[in-house]
Amino acid sequence: MDVLAYLIPISLFLGAIGLAGFFWTLRHRQYEDPDGDAQRILSDEWDEHPKP
């Protein structure tokens, strides 16, 4: 049972890192245009300078 003293804080820490990463992607607008991304990945055209 002593292993739970290590595993619970480690799992909470990793969960917090995952949540922070998710909020970082939201702040940097990674999910703005999912339909456009789905169409761009299927096209054969190559864009040298993608829009930010």
N, C-alpha and C. Protein backbone atom coordinates (compact mmCIF):
# COMPACT_ATOMS: atom_id res chain seq x y z
N MET A 1 0.81 -1.20 0.00
CA MET A 1 0.00 0.00 0.00
C MET A 1 0.86 1.27 0.00
N ASP A 2 2.11 1.11 0.32
CA ASP A 2 2.98 2.29 0.32
C ASP A 2 3.19 2.83 -1.08
N VAL A 3 3.01 1.97 -2.08
CA VAL A 3 3.22 2.41 -3.45
C VAL A 3 2.17 3.45 -3.85
N LEU A 4 0.99 3.41 -3.23
CA LEU A 4 -0.04 4.41 -3.53
C LEU A 4 0.39 5.81 -3.13
N ALA A 5 1.23 5.90 -2.14
CA ALA A 5 1.74 7.21 -1.72
C ALA A 5 2.58 7.84 -2.83
N TYR A 6 3.12 7.02 -3.71
CA TYR A 6 3.89 7.53 -4.85
C TYR A 6 3.02 7.68 -6.10
N LEU A 7 2.17 6.69 -6.33
CA LEU A 7 1.40 6.67 -7.57
C LEU A 7 0.34 7.76 -7.65
N ILE A 8 -0.31 8.06 -6.55
CA ILE A 8 -1.38 9.07 -6.58
C ILE A 8 -0.81 10.46 -6.90
N PRO A 9 0.25 10.94 -6.24
CA PRO A 9 0.79 12.25 -6.62
C PRO A 9 1.36 12.28 -8.04
N ILE A 10 1.97 11.17 -8.45
CA ILE A 10 2.51 11.12 -9.82
C ILE A 10 1.38 11.21 -10.84
N SER A 11 0.29 10.49 -10.60
CA SER A 11 -0.83 10.54 -11.55
C SER A 11 -1.49 11.92 -11.55
N LEU A 12 -1.60 12.55 -10.40
CA LEU A 12 -2.16 13.91 -10.37
C LEU A 12 -1.25 14.89 -11.09
N PHE A 13 0.05 14.74 -10.94
CA PHE A 13 1.01 15.60 -11.62
C PHE A 13 0.93 15.42 -13.14
N LEU A 14 0.87 14.17 -13.60
CA LEU A 14 0.77 13.93 -15.04
C LEU A 14 -0.56 14.43 -15.60
N GLY A 15 -1.63 14.29 -14.83
CA GLY A 15 -2.93 14.82 -15.26
C GLY A 15 -2.90 16.33 -15.37
N ALA A 16 -2.23 16.98 -14.43
CA ALA A 16 -2.11 18.44 -14.47
C ALA A 16 -1.29 18.89 -15.68
N ILE A 17 -0.25 18.13 -16.02
CA ILE A 17 0.55 18.45 -17.21
C ILE A 17 -0.31 18.32 -18.47
N GLY A 18 -1.10 17.26 -18.53
CA GLY A 18 -1.98 17.07 -19.69
C GLY A 18 -3.02 18.18 -19.80
N LEU A 19 -3.59 18.58 -18.68
CA LEU A 19 -4.57 19.66 -18.68
C LEU A 19 -3.93 20.99 -19.07
N ALA A 20 -2.74 21.24 -18.58
CA ALA A 20 -2.02 22.47 -18.95
C ALA A 20 -1.70 22.47 -20.44
N GLY A 21 -1.32 21.31 -20.97
CA GLY A 21 -1.05 21.22 -22.41
C GLY A 21 -2.30 21.47 -23.23
N PHE A 22 -3.43 20.96 -22.76
CA PHE A 22 -4.69 21.19 -23.47
C PHE A 22 -5.05 22.67 -23.48
N PHE A 23 -4.92 23.33 -22.32
CA PHE A 23 -5.22 24.76 -22.27
C PHE A 23 -4.24 25.57 -23.10
N TRP A 24 -2.98 25.12 -23.18
CA TRP A 24 -2.01 25.81 -24.03
C TRP A 24 -2.44 25.75 -25.49
N THR A 25 -2.90 24.56 -25.94
CA THR A 25 -3.34 24.45 -27.33
C THR A 25 -4.59 25.29 -27.59
N LEU A 26 -5.46 25.40 -26.60
CA LEU A 26 -6.63 26.28 -26.77
C LEU A 26 -6.20 27.74 -26.90
N ARG A 27 -5.24 28.16 -26.07
CA ARG A 27 -4.79 29.54 -26.10
C ARG A 27 -4.09 29.88 -27.40
N HIS A 28 -3.43 28.91 -28.00
CA HIS A 28 -2.72 29.14 -29.25
C HIS A 28 -3.54 28.76 -30.47
N ARG A 29 -4.84 28.65 -30.31
CA ARG A 29 -5.83 28.48 -31.37
C ARG A 29 -5.53 27.30 -32.28
N GLN A 30 -5.23 26.15 -31.69
CA GLN A 30 -4.94 24.95 -32.47
C GLN A 30 -6.20 24.30 -33.02
N TYR A 31 -7.36 24.64 -32.47
CA TYR A 31 -8.61 23.98 -32.85
C TYR A 31 -9.55 24.90 -33.61
N GLU A 32 -9.03 25.91 -34.27
CA GLU A 32 -9.87 26.92 -34.90
C GLU A 32 -10.59 26.42 -36.15
N ASP A 33 -9.93 25.64 -37.00
CA ASP A 33 -10.50 25.27 -38.29
C ASP A 33 -10.31 23.78 -38.57
N PRO A 34 -11.00 22.91 -37.86
CA PRO A 34 -10.78 21.48 -38.09
C PRO A 34 -11.28 21.01 -39.46
N ASP A 35 -12.33 21.62 -40.00
CA ASP A 35 -12.81 21.21 -41.32
C ASP A 35 -11.83 21.61 -42.41
N GLY A 36 -11.24 22.78 -42.29
CA GLY A 36 -10.24 23.21 -43.26
C GLY A 36 -9.00 22.34 -43.21
N ASP A 37 -8.59 21.95 -42.02
CA ASP A 37 -7.44 21.07 -41.88
C ASP A 37 -7.72 19.72 -42.51
N ALA A 38 -8.92 19.22 -42.34
CA ALA A 38 -9.28 17.93 -42.92
C ALA A 38 -9.25 17.99 -44.44
N GLN A 39 -9.63 19.10 -45.01
CA GLN A 39 -9.61 19.23 -46.47
C GLN A 39 -8.19 19.45 -46.99
N ARG A 40 -7.37 20.21 -46.25
CA ARG A 40 -6.01 20.49 -46.70
C ARG A 40 -5.14 19.24 -46.72
N ILE A 41 -5.37 18.33 -45.78
CA ILE A 41 -4.53 17.14 -45.73
C ILE A 41 -4.81 16.22 -46.91
N LEU A 42 -5.98 16.34 -47.52
CA LEU A 42 -6.33 15.49 -48.65
C LEU A 42 -5.95 16.10 -50.00
N SER A 43 -5.62 17.38 -50.02
CA SER A 43 -5.30 18.02 -51.30
C SER A 43 -3.86 17.72 -51.70
N ASP A 44 -3.59 17.81 -53.01
CA ASP A 44 -2.25 17.56 -53.54
C ASP A 44 -1.42 18.83 -53.63
N GLU A 45 -2.01 19.98 -53.39
CA GLU A 45 -1.29 21.24 -53.50
C GLU A 45 -0.40 21.42 -52.28
N TRP A 46 0.80 21.95 -52.52
CA TRP A 46 1.75 22.20 -51.45
C TRP A 46 1.84 23.70 -51.23
N ASP A 47 1.67 24.12 -50.00
CA ASP A 47 1.71 25.53 -49.66
C ASP A 47 3.05 25.82 -48.99
N GLU A 48 3.91 26.61 -49.64
CA GLU A 48 5.22 26.91 -49.09
C GLU A 48 5.14 27.80 -47.86
N HIS A 49 4.16 28.70 -47.84
CA HIS A 49 4.03 29.64 -46.73
C HIS A 49 2.60 29.57 -46.18
N PRO A 50 2.33 28.66 -45.26
CA PRO A 50 0.97 28.55 -44.72
C PRO A 50 0.59 29.76 -43.90
N LYS A 51 -0.69 30.02 -43.80
CA LYS A 51 -1.19 31.16 -43.04
C LYS A 51 -1.05 30.88 -41.54
N PRO A 52 -0.64 31.89 -40.77
CA PRO A 52 -0.52 31.68 -39.31
C PRO A 52 -1.85 31.61 -38.62
